[in-house]
Amino acid sequence: MRYLGRFQLGQFVHLSLITSNTAEEYPDAPTAPDAAPTFSIYNSDGSKVITNKRMPLQHPSETALFAVDQMLACLSALGPAYGTVEFEEGRSYFVRYEWLISTAAFARIDYFDVIPGGDCRGAYTALEFYERPQADFVVGALENGTVEKRRGPSIS
């Protein structure tokens, strides 16, 4: 079991996996799986937060290296269309990877902590200053797709 670290809401957790026909964390002989591996994330109570999400190949020449970046978002930032994907501050989460090689099932577990701070919507990916006669605005796009405006920015 690997400790992935401490993250805040809105940050991304980099999940990576080298598949092999053993459950070792760093195998001597990486082996391509029958299909793309999946991962599920559980909270410290054992409830599933994310279920059986597929992991893409990291690089076409590396047939046993899979990786994905999972955003730590909360339900209020995503909306009900995303189901129950929700991460909370002050909790530990466990990632269970599963894959098949020649119909034999393998699994591995990692874990991480969500610490206070951050923003469920992620960081700004674009900002634009918008000057109007009645007020000045900053319009920004966040990583979860939200576009927001803020009134009255000033430069000190």
Protein backbone atom coordinates (compact mmCIF):
# COMPACT_ATOMS: atom_id res chain seq x y z
CA MET A 1 0.00 0.00 0.00
CA ARG A 2 1.37 3.37 -1.10
CA TYR A 3 0.66 6.71 0.58
CA LEU A 4 -0.03 9.25 -2.18
CA GLY A 5 0.10 12.32 0.07
CA ARG A 6 -2.08 15.12 1.37
CA PHE A 7 -4.29 17.14 -0.96
CA GLN A 8 -6.80 19.98 -0.73
CA LEU A 9 -10.21 20.11 -2.39
CA GLY A 10 -9.88 21.19 -6.00
CA GLN A 11 -6.44 19.64 -6.43
CA PHE A 12 -5.70 16.61 -8.59
CA VAL A 13 -4.42 13.29 -7.26
CA HIS A 14 -2.14 11.51 -9.72
CA LEU A 15 -3.08 7.81 -9.72
CA SER A 16 -0.64 5.48 -11.44
CA LEU A 17 -0.35 1.74 -11.77
CA ILE A 18 2.14 -0.71 -13.26
CA THR A 19 0.26 -3.92 -13.99
CA SER A 20 1.88 -7.31 -13.47
CA ASN A 21 0.90 -10.87 -12.63
CA THR A 22 1.75 -10.24 -8.96
CA ALA A 23 0.31 -7.85 -6.40
CA GLU A 24 3.72 -6.24 -5.74
CA GLU A 25 3.85 -2.46 -5.76
CA TYR A 26 6.92 -2.28 -8.04
CA PRO A 27 7.00 -5.50 -10.08
CA ASP A 28 10.12 -6.87 -11.76
CA ALA A 29 8.21 -7.88 -14.88
CA PRO A 30 5.41 -5.50 -15.91
CA THR A 31 2.71 -7.36 -17.82
CA ALA A 32 0.01 -5.95 -20.08
CA PRO A 33 -3.49 -6.62 -18.73
CA ASP A 34 -6.37 -8.18 -20.66
CA ALA A 35 -8.20 -4.82 -20.58
CA ALA A 36 -7.65 -1.38 -19.10
CA PRO A 37 -7.49 -1.54 -15.30
CA THR A 38 -10.15 0.18 -13.23
CA PHE A 39 -9.99 2.08 -9.96
CA SER A 40 -12.54 2.76 -7.24
CA ILE A 41 -12.15 5.26 -4.41
CA TYR A 42 -13.55 4.61 -0.95
CA ASN A 43 -13.78 6.96 2.02
CA SER A 44 -12.58 5.99 5.50
CA ASP A 45 -16.05 4.59 6.32
CA GLY A 46 -15.78 2.13 3.41
CA SER A 47 -18.38 3.88 1.22
CA LYS A 48 -17.57 4.16 -2.48
CA VAL A 49 -16.99 7.66 -3.78
CA ILE A 50 -15.97 6.64 -7.34
CA THR A 51 -16.79 3.25 -8.82
CA ASN A 52 -14.89 1.30 -11.49
CA LYS A 53 -13.44 4.16 -13.51
CA ARG A 54 -11.09 3.00 -16.30
CA MET A 55 -7.44 4.07 -16.42
CA PRO A 56 -5.83 5.00 -19.76
CA LEU A 57 -2.35 3.94 -20.91
CA GLN A 58 0.30 6.47 -19.92
CA HIS A 59 2.20 5.99 -23.20
CA PRO A 60 1.57 3.66 -26.17
CA SER A 61 5.02 2.06 -25.88
CA GLU A 62 4.48 1.25 -22.18
CA THR A 63 1.82 -1.46 -22.29
CA ALA A 64 1.69 -1.94 -18.52
CA LEU A 65 1.82 1.67 -17.25
CA PHE A 66 -1.53 3.34 -16.60
CA ALA A 67 -2.24 6.73 -15.04
CA VAL A 68 -5.04 9.21 -14.47
CA ASP A 69 -5.42 12.52 -12.64
CA GLN A 70 -8.52 12.58 -10.45
CA MET A 71 -9.85 15.96 -9.33
CA LEU A 72 -10.91 16.15 -5.69
CA ALA A 73 -14.24 17.90 -6.15
CA CYS A 74 -17.27 18.10 -3.94
CA LEU A 75 -20.90 17.60 -4.93
CA SER A 76 -21.84 21.27 -4.49
CA ALA A 77 -19.29 22.21 -7.17
CA LEU A 78 -20.19 19.44 -9.62
CA GLY A 79 -23.97 19.37 -9.43
CA PRO A 80 -26.31 16.39 -9.11
CA ALA A 81 -25.67 15.16 -12.68
CA TYR A 82 -22.36 13.70 -11.50
CA GLY A 83 -23.97 11.40 -8.94
CA THR A 84 -22.42 11.13 -5.51
CA VAL A 85 -18.80 12.04 -6.28
CA GLU A 86 -17.85 13.94 -3.17
CA PHE A 87 -14.65 14.43 -1.23
CA GLU A 88 -14.55 15.96 2.24
CA GLU A 89 -11.85 17.74 4.23
CA GLY A 90 -10.23 15.82 7.07
CA ARG A 91 -10.84 12.34 5.67
CA SER A 92 -8.67 9.54 4.32
CA TYR A 93 -9.51 7.87 1.03
CA PHE A 94 -8.44 4.51 -0.35
CA VAL A 95 -7.91 3.75 -4.04
CA ARG A 96 -8.43 0.14 -5.16
CA TYR A 97 -6.98 -0.75 -8.57
CA GLU A 98 -8.20 -3.93 -10.29
CA TRP A 99 -7.02 -5.69 -13.46
CA LEU A 100 -7.05 -9.07 -15.19
CA ILE A 101 -4.13 -10.95 -16.73
CA SER A 102 -5.05 -14.22 -18.46
CA THR A 103 -8.38 -14.11 -16.59
CA ALA A 104 -6.60 -14.03 -13.19
CA ALA A 105 -7.72 -11.09 -11.03
CA PHE A 106 -5.24 -8.75 -9.33
CA ALA A 107 -5.69 -5.72 -7.09
CA ARG A 108 -3.64 -3.09 -5.31
CA ILE A 109 -4.51 -0.34 -2.82
CA ASP A 110 -3.19 3.21 -2.33
CA TYR A 111 -4.44 5.90 0.03
CA PHE A 112 -4.36 9.67 0.49
CA ASP A 113 -5.66 12.35 2.85
CA VAL A 114 -7.77 15.42 2.10
CA ILE A 115 -6.69 18.33 4.29
CA PRO A 116 -8.51 21.62 4.96
CA GLY A 117 -8.31 24.39 2.38
CA GLY A 118 -8.63 24.61 -1.35
CA ASP A 119 -11.73 25.14 -3.45
CA CYS A 120 -14.06 22.40 -4.69
CA ARG A 121 -14.15 23.98 -8.13
CA GLY A 122 -10.38 23.85 -8.67
CA ALA A 123 -7.97 26.58 -9.67
CA TYR A 124 -8.46 29.32 -12.25
CA THR A 125 -7.42 28.26 -15.74
CA ALA A 126 -8.19 31.60 -17.42
CA LEU A 127 -8.70 35.19 -16.24
CA GLU A 128 -9.76 38.28 -18.13
CA PHE A 129 -10.04 41.87 -16.93
CA TYR A 130 -13.33 43.45 -18.11
CA GLU A 131 -13.63 47.23 -17.76
CA ARG A 132 -17.10 48.81 -17.81
CA PRO A 133 -18.25 52.38 -16.99
CA GLN A 134 -20.18 51.30 -13.86
CA ALA A 135 -17.51 48.93 -12.47
CA ASP A 136 -14.50 46.79 -13.28
CA PHE A 137 -14.76 43.01 -13.37
CA VAL A 138 -12.54 39.98 -13.53
CA VAL A 139 -14.04 37.03 -15.41
CA GLY A 140 -12.46 33.64 -14.68
CA ALA A 141 -12.82 30.03 -15.75
CA LEU A 142 -12.23 27.29 -13.17
CA GLU A 143 -11.04 23.70 -13.68
CA ASN A 144 -14.51 22.22 -13.16
CA GLY A 145 -15.92 24.33 -16.02
CA THR A 146 -17.47 27.11 -13.91
CA VAL A 147 -17.18 30.66 -15.29
CA GLU A 148 -17.52 33.38 -12.68
CA LYS A 149 -17.18 37.13 -12.49
CA ARG A 150 -15.89 39.24 -9.64
CA ARG A 151 -16.68 42.91 -9.27
CA GLY A 152 -14.38 45.70 -8.21
CA PRO A 153 -10.85 44.28 -8.40
CA SER A 154 -8.12 46.72 -7.49
CA ILE A 155 -4.37 46.79 -7.81
CA SER A 156 -2.59 47.98 -4.69
